[in-house]
Amino acid sequence: LHTAAIYSASYTGNVVVQATLDNQITGDTQWADVTTVTLASPSTPTPVNFNGVFNYVRFKTTANPADKISKILVRN
Protein backbone atom coordinates (compact mmCIF):
# COMPACT_ATOMS: atom_id res chain seq x y z
CA LEU A 1 0.00 0.00 0.00
CA HIS A 2 1.32 3.43 -0.95
CA THR A 3 -0.07 6.68 0.41
CA ALA A 4 0.44 10.19 -0.94
CA ALA A 5 -0.78 13.58 0.23
CA ILE A 6 -1.13 16.37 -2.33
CA TYR A 7 -0.83 19.87 -0.84
CA SER A 8 -2.43 22.42 -3.12
CA ALA A 9 -3.92 25.88 -3.10
CA SER A 10 -6.43 26.81 -5.80
CA TYR A 11 -5.24 24.08 -8.21
CA THR A 12 -7.94 22.82 -10.56
CA GLY A 13 -7.09 19.78 -12.63
CA ASN A 14 -5.97 16.17 -12.42
CA VAL A 15 -2.92 14.65 -10.80
CA VAL A 16 -2.00 11.31 -12.38
CA VAL A 17 0.05 8.82 -10.36
CA GLN A 18 2.39 6.90 -12.67
CA ALA A 19 4.74 4.02 -11.87
CA THR A 20 7.29 1.77 -13.51
CA LEU A 21 8.93 -1.58 -12.78
CA ASP A 22 12.15 -0.62 -14.60
CA ASN A 23 15.34 -0.85 -12.54
CA GLN A 24 16.72 2.37 -13.98
CA ILE A 25 15.03 5.43 -15.44
CA THR A 26 16.07 6.29 -18.99
CA GLY A 27 14.49 8.11 -21.91
CA ASP A 28 12.84 4.80 -22.89
CA THR A 29 11.24 4.10 -19.51
CA GLN A 30 7.62 3.05 -19.86
CA TRP A 31 5.30 4.59 -17.27
CA ALA A 32 1.84 3.24 -16.46
CA ASP A 33 -1.04 5.25 -15.00
CA VAL A 34 -1.93 3.86 -11.57
CA THR A 35 -4.67 6.26 -10.48
CA THR A 36 -5.97 9.76 -11.14
CA VAL A 37 -6.93 12.34 -8.52
CA THR A 38 -9.22 15.20 -9.53
CA LEU A 39 -8.67 18.42 -7.60
CA ALA A 40 -11.06 21.36 -7.66
CA SER A 41 -9.34 24.13 -5.70
CA PRO A 42 -8.93 22.33 -2.37
CA SER A 43 -6.91 24.12 0.29
CA THR A 44 -6.37 21.04 2.47
CA PRO A 45 -4.13 18.03 1.79
CA THR A 46 -5.78 15.52 -0.53
CA PRO A 47 -4.92 11.89 0.27
CA VAL A 48 -4.55 9.15 -2.33
CA ASN A 49 -3.91 5.45 -1.73
CA PHE A 50 -2.76 2.90 -4.31
CA ASN A 51 -1.49 -0.68 -4.27
CA GLY A 52 1.40 -2.21 -6.16
CA VAL A 53 5.06 -3.12 -6.15
CA PHE A 54 6.88 -0.39 -8.07
CA ASN A 55 10.51 0.65 -8.45
CA TYR A 56 9.71 4.30 -9.22
CA VAL A 57 6.63 6.50 -8.81
CA ARG A 58 6.01 9.93 -10.34
CA PHE A 59 3.16 12.44 -10.49
CA LYS A 60 1.93 14.15 -13.66
CA THR A 61 -0.49 17.09 -13.78
CA THR A 62 -2.99 18.11 -16.45
CA ALA A 63 -2.70 21.83 -15.64
CA ASN A 64 0.26 24.02 -14.74
CA PRO A 65 1.01 23.34 -11.03
CA ALA A 66 3.34 26.34 -10.56
CA ASP A 67 2.61 28.07 -7.24
CA LYS A 68 -0.52 25.94 -6.81
CA ILE A 69 0.85 22.55 -5.72
CA SER A 70 3.34 23.17 -2.96
CA LYS A 71 4.34 19.56 -2.32
CA ILE A 72 3.43 15.91 -2.67
CA LEU A 73 4.45 13.62 0.17
CA VAL A 74 4.70 9.88 -0.52
CA ARG A 75 4.88 7.02 1.96
CA ASN A 76 5.82 3.61 0.52
C-alpha atoms as a PDB file:
ATOM      1  CA  LEU A   1       0.000   0.000   0.000  1.00  0.00           C
ATOM      2  CA  HIS A   2       1.316   3.434  -0.955  1.00  0.00           C
ATOM      3  CA  THR A   3      -0.075   6.684   0.407  1.00  0.00           C
ATOM      4  CA  ALA A   4       0.438  10.190  -0.937  1.00  0.00           C
ATOM      5  CA  ALA A   5      -0.783  13.584   0.234  1.00  0.00           C
ATOM      6  CA  ILE A   6      -1.131  16.371  -2.325  1.00  0.00           C
ATOM      7  CA  TYR A   7      -0.828  19.866  -0.841  1.00  0.00           C
ATOM      8  CA  SER A   8      -2.429  22.419  -3.123  1.00  0.00           C
ATOM      9  CA  ALA A   9      -3.920  25.885  -3.098  1.00  0.00           C
ATOM     10  CA  SER A  10      -6.433  26.809  -5.798  1.00  0.00           C
ATOM     11  CA  TYR A  11      -5.240  24.083  -8.211  1.00  0.00           C
ATOM     12  CA  THR A  12      -7.938  22.823 -10.556  1.00  0.00           C
ATOM     13  CA  GLY A  13      -7.093  19.779 -12.632  1.00  0.00           C
ATOM     14  CA  ASN A  14      -5.975  16.169 -12.416  1.00  0.00           C
ATOM     15  CA  VAL A  15      -2.917  14.650 -10.802  1.00  0.00           C
ATOM     16  CA  VAL A  16      -2.002  11.308 -12.375  1.00  0.00           C
ATOM     17  CA  VAL A  17       0.049   8.822 -10.356  1.00  0.00           C
ATOM     18  CA  GLN A  18       2.387   6.902 -12.666  1.00  0.00           C
ATOM     19  CA  ALA A  19       4.736   4.022 -11.865  1.00  0.00           C
ATOM     20  CA  THR A  20       7.293   1.770 -13.505  1.00  0.00           C
ATOM     21  CA  LEU A  21       8.930  -1.579 -12.785  1.00  0.00           C
ATOM     22  CA  ASP A  22      12.146  -0.618 -14.595  1.00  0.00           C
ATOM     23  CA  ASN A  23      15.335  -0.852 -12.539  1.00  0.00           C
ATOM     24  CA  GLN A  24      16.721   2.369 -13.980  1.00  0.00           C
ATOM     25  CA  ILE A  25      15.031   5.432 -15.435  1.00  0.00           C
ATOM     26  CA  THR A  26      16.068   6.293 -18.991  1.00  0.00           C
ATOM     27  CA  GLY A  27      14.491   8.107 -21.909  1.00  0.00           C
ATOM     28  CA  ASP A  28      12.836   4.797 -22.890  1.00  0.00           C
ATOM     29  CA  THR A  29      11.238   4.099 -19.510  1.00  0.00           C
ATOM     30  CA  GLN A  30       7.615   3.050 -19.863  1.00  0.00           C
ATOM     31  CA  TRP A  31       5.298   4.592 -17.269  1.00  0.00           C
ATOM     32  CA  ALA A  32       1.837   3.238 -16.462  1.00  0.00           C
ATOM     33  CA  ASP A  33      -1.044   5.253 -15.001  1.00  0.00           C
ATOM     34  CA  VAL A  34      -1.928   3.860 -11.568  1.00  0.00           C
ATOM     35  CA  THR A  35      -4.674   6.258 -10.483  1.00  0.00           C
ATOM     36  CA  THR A  36      -5.966   9.762 -11.142  1.00  0.00           C
ATOM     37  CA  VAL A  37      -6.932  12.340  -8.523  1.00  0.00           C
ATOM     38  CA  THR A  38      -9.217  15.201  -9.535  1.00  0.00           C
ATOM     39  CA  LEU A  39      -8.665  18.421  -7.598  1.00  0.00           C
ATOM     40  CA  ALA A  40     -11.064  21.361  -7.663  1.00  0.00           C
ATOM     41  CA  SER A  41      -9.336  24.131  -5.701  1.00  0.00           C
ATOM     42  CA  PRO A  42      -8.933  22.333  -2.367  1.00  0.00           C
ATOM     43  CA  SER A  43      -6.914  24.115   0.290  1.00  0.00           C
ATOM     44  CA  THR A  44      -6.371  21.036   2.470  1.00  0.00           C
ATOM     45  CA  PRO A  45      -4.129  18.034   1.788  1.00  0.00           C
ATOM     46  CA  THR A  46      -5.777  15.522  -0.532  1.00  0.00           C
ATOM     47  CA  PRO A  47      -4.919  11.889   0.273  1.00  0.00           C
ATOM     48  CA  VAL A  48      -4.545   9.151  -2.335  1.00  0.00           C
ATOM     49  CA  ASN A  49      -3.912   5.445  -1.729  1.00  0.00           C
ATOM     50  CA  PHE A  50      -2.760   2.903  -4.309  1.00  0.00           C
ATOM     51  CA  ASN A  51      -1.486  -0.678  -4.268  1.00  0.00           C
ATOM     52  CA  GLY A  52       1.402  -2.207  -6.164  1.00  0.00           C
ATOM     53  CA  VAL A  53       5.063  -3.120  -6.147  1.00  0.00           C
ATOM     54  CA  PHE A  54       6.880  -0.392  -8.073  1.00  0.00           C
ATOM     55  CA  ASN A  55      10.508   0.652  -8.449  1.00  0.00           C
ATOM     56  CA  TYR A  56       9.706   4.298  -9.220  1.00  0.00           C
ATOM     57  CA  VAL A  57       6.633   6.498  -8.814  1.00  0.00           C
ATOM     58  CA  ARG A  58       6.015   9.930 -10.341  1.00  0.00           C
ATOM     59  CA  PHE A  59       3.165  12.435 -10.489  1.00  0.00           C
ATOM     60  CA  LYS A  60       1.934  14.147 -13.661  1.00  0.00           C
ATOM     61  CA  THR A  61      -0.490  17.085 -13.779  1.00  0.00           C
ATOM     62  CA  THR A  62      -2.990  18.106 -16.450  1.00  0.00           C
ATOM     63  CA  ALA A  63      -2.700  21.828 -15.637  1.00  0.00           C
ATOM     64  CA  ASN A  64       0.262  24.024 -14.737  1.00  0.00           C
ATOM     65  CA  PRO A  65       1.009  23.338 -11.032  1.00  0.00           C
ATOM     66  CA  ALA A  66       3.339  26.338 -10.559  1.00  0.00           C
ATOM     67  CA  ASP A  67       2.615  28.070  -7.237  1.00  0.00           C
ATOM     68  CA  LYS A  68      -0.519  25.939  -6.814  1.00  0.00           C
ATOM     69  CA  ILE A  69       0.846  22.546  -5.719  1.00  0.00           C
ATOM     70  CA  SER A  70       3.341  23.165  -2.957  1.00  0.00           C
ATOM     71  CA  LYS A  71       4.340  19.560  -2.316  1.00  0.00           C
ATOM     72  CA  ILE A  72       3.429  15.907  -2.674  1.00  0.00           C
ATOM     73  CA  LEU A  73       4.451  13.624   0.168  1.00  0.00           C
ATOM     74  CA  VAL A  74       4.704   9.879  -0.520  1.00  0.00           C
ATOM     75  CA  ARG A  75       4.879   7.022   1.958  1.00  0.00           C
ATOM     76  CA  ASN A  76       5.823   3.612   0.517  1.00  0.00           C
END
